[in-house]
């Protein structure tokens, strides 16, 4: 997902639920891939509940607490595109 702030600053993240991580790992294990035994993502964020409203609530909370810099990846101002 992308977060574009009012000042044009952009942040990216990969948001998943635990159920989705399990599904991905199970599919990879069944395919015989080594990634079936682990999952990682550089800017990964696991949320408890599925759905956009739940994800927005978590992201808003991260920004309000100033924790977004530890969880998400800053990709620079929007005008850099």
C-alpha atoms as a PDB file:
ATOM      1  CA  UNK A   1       0.000   0.000   0.000  1.00  0.00           C
ATOM      2  CA  UNK A   2       0.992   3.621  -0.400  1.00  0.00           C
ATOM      3  CA  UNK A   3       0.482   6.444   2.062  1.00  0.00           C
ATOM      4  CA  UNK A   4       0.737   9.878   0.503  1.00  0.00           C
ATOM      5  CA  UNK A   5       0.667  12.606   3.120  1.00  0.00           C
ATOM      6  CA  UNK A   6      -0.762  16.079   2.574  1.00  0.00           C
ATOM      7  CA  UNK A   7       2.801  17.426   2.251  1.00  0.00           C
ATOM      8  CA  UNK A   8       3.504  14.963  -0.611  1.00  0.00           C
ATOM      9  CA  UNK A   9       5.709  12.669   1.491  1.00  0.00           C
ATOM     10  CA  UNK A  10       5.189   9.015   0.455  1.00  0.00           C
ATOM     11  CA  UNK A  11       5.495   5.803   2.449  1.00  0.00           C
ATOM     12  CA  UNK A  12       5.020   2.204   1.331  1.00  0.00           C
ATOM     13  CA  UNK A  13       4.184  -0.956   3.159  1.00  0.00           C
ATOM     14  CA  UNK A  14       2.999  -4.491   2.620  1.00  0.00           C
ATOM     15  CA  UNK A  15      -0.019  -5.188   4.813  1.00  0.00           C
ATOM     16  CA  UNK A  16      -1.166  -8.743   5.505  1.00  0.00           C
ATOM     17  CA  UNK A  17      -3.073 -10.724   8.092  1.00  0.00           C
ATOM     18  CA  UNK A  18      -1.645 -13.790   9.805  1.00  0.00           C
ATOM     19  CA  UNK A  19      -4.129 -15.904   7.849  1.00  0.00           C
ATOM     20  CA  UNK A  20      -2.734 -14.553   4.577  1.00  0.00           C
ATOM     21  CA  UNK A  21       0.860 -15.221   5.655  1.00  0.00           C
ATOM     22  CA  UNK A  22      -0.113 -18.809   6.512  1.00  0.00           C
ATOM     23  CA  UNK A  23      -1.847 -19.202   3.140  1.00  0.00           C
ATOM     24  CA  UNK A  24       1.232 -17.952   1.283  1.00  0.00           C
ATOM     25  CA  UNK A  25       3.561 -20.218   3.246  1.00  0.00           C
ATOM     26  CA  UNK A  26       1.282 -23.251   2.775  1.00  0.00           C
ATOM     27  CA  UNK A  27       1.108 -22.652  -0.986  1.00  0.00           C
ATOM     28  CA  UNK A  28       4.892 -22.351  -1.208  1.00  0.00           C
ATOM     29  CA  UNK A  29       5.439 -25.462   0.909  1.00  0.00           C
ATOM     30  CA  UNK A  30       3.072 -27.444  -1.312  1.00  0.00           C
ATOM     31  CA  UNK A  31       5.042 -26.233  -4.335  1.00  0.00           C
ATOM     32  CA  UNK A  32       8.251 -27.479  -2.694  1.00  0.00           C
ATOM     33  CA  UNK A  33       9.740 -24.004  -2.379  1.00  0.00           C
ATOM     34  CA  UNK A  34      12.113 -23.200   0.496  1.00  0.00           C
ATOM     35  CA  UNK A  35       9.979 -20.124   1.276  1.00  0.00           C
ATOM     36  CA  UNK A  36       7.332 -22.530   2.568  1.00  0.00           C
ATOM     37  CA  UNK A  37       9.258 -22.642   5.832  1.00  0.00           C
ATOM     38  CA  UNK A  38       9.489 -18.883   6.391  1.00  0.00           C
ATOM     39  CA  UNK A  39       8.059 -15.563   5.312  1.00  0.00           C
ATOM     40  CA  UNK A  40       9.638 -12.139   5.338  1.00  0.00           C
ATOM     41  CA  UNK A  41       9.044  -8.769   3.818  1.00  0.00           C
ATOM     42  CA  UNK A  42      11.162  -5.644   4.166  1.00  0.00           C
ATOM     43  CA  UNK A  43       8.276  -3.270   4.824  1.00  0.00           C
ATOM     44  CA  UNK A  44       5.838  -5.889   6.105  1.00  0.00           C
ATOM     45  CA  UNK A  45       3.073  -5.119   8.563  1.00  0.00           C
ATOM     46  CA  UNK A  46       0.774  -7.783   9.953  1.00  0.00           C
ATOM     47  CA  UNK A  47      -2.641  -6.609  11.117  1.00  0.00           C
ATOM     48  CA  UNK A  48      -5.108  -8.575  13.215  1.00  0.00           C
ATOM     49  CA  UNK A  49      -8.223  -7.965  11.129  1.00  0.00           C
ATOM     50  CA  UNK A  50      -8.650  -8.120   7.358  1.00  0.00           C
ATOM     51  CA  UNK A  51     -10.135  -5.307   5.320  1.00  0.00           C
ATOM     52  CA  UNK A  52      -9.272  -1.778   4.330  1.00  0.00           C
ATOM     53  CA  UNK A  53     -10.977  -0.090   7.332  1.00  0.00           C
ATOM     54  CA  UNK A  54      -8.898  -2.170   9.753  1.00  0.00           C
ATOM     55  CA  UNK A  55      -5.698  -1.449   7.844  1.00  0.00           C
ATOM     56  CA  UNK A  56      -6.432   2.289   7.690  1.00  0.00           C
ATOM     57  CA  UNK A  57      -7.043   2.341  11.451  1.00  0.00           C
ATOM     58  CA  UNK A  58      -3.673   0.675  12.100  1.00  0.00           C
ATOM     59  CA  UNK A  59      -1.797   2.948   9.669  1.00  0.00           C
ATOM     60  CA  UNK A  60      -3.423   6.061  11.144  1.00  0.00           C
ATOM     61  CA  UNK A  61      -2.374   4.864  14.590  1.00  0.00           C
ATOM     62  CA  UNK A  62       1.207   4.317  13.453  1.00  0.00           C
ATOM     63  CA  UNK A  63       1.425   7.857  12.092  1.00  0.00           C
ATOM     64  CA  UNK A  64      -0.260   9.365  15.164  1.00  0.00           C
ATOM     65  CA  UNK A  65       2.257   7.608  17.434  1.00  0.00           C
ATOM     66  CA  UNK A  66       5.226   8.406  15.178  1.00  0.00           C
ATOM     67  CA  UNK A  67       5.921   4.684  14.737  1.00  0.00           C
ATOM     68  CA  UNK A  68       5.463   4.709  10.953  1.00  0.00           C
ATOM     69  CA  UNK A  69       9.179   5.403  10.445  1.00  0.00           C
ATOM     70  CA  UNK A  70      10.041   2.062  12.064  1.00  0.00           C
ATOM     71  CA  UNK A  71       7.431   0.040  10.182  1.00  0.00           C
ATOM     72  CA  UNK A  72       6.987   1.570   6.749  1.00  0.00           C
ATOM     73  CA  UNK A  73       9.443   2.512   4.022  1.00  0.00           C
ATOM     74  CA  UNK A  74       9.800   6.164   3.104  1.00  0.00           C
ATOM     75  CA  UNK A  75       9.944   6.588  -0.668  1.00  0.00           C
ATOM     76  CA  UNK A  76      10.255  10.352  -0.857  1.00  0.00           C
ATOM     77  CA  UNK A  77       8.121  13.267  -1.950  1.00  0.00           C
ATOM     78  CA  UNK A  78       5.410  12.745  -4.527  1.00  0.00           C
ATOM     79  CA  UNK A  79       7.042  15.126  -6.996  1.00  0.00           C
ATOM     80  CA  UNK A  80       9.963  12.683  -7.341  1.00  0.00           C
ATOM     81  CA  UNK A  81       7.786  10.415  -9.484  1.00  0.00           C
END
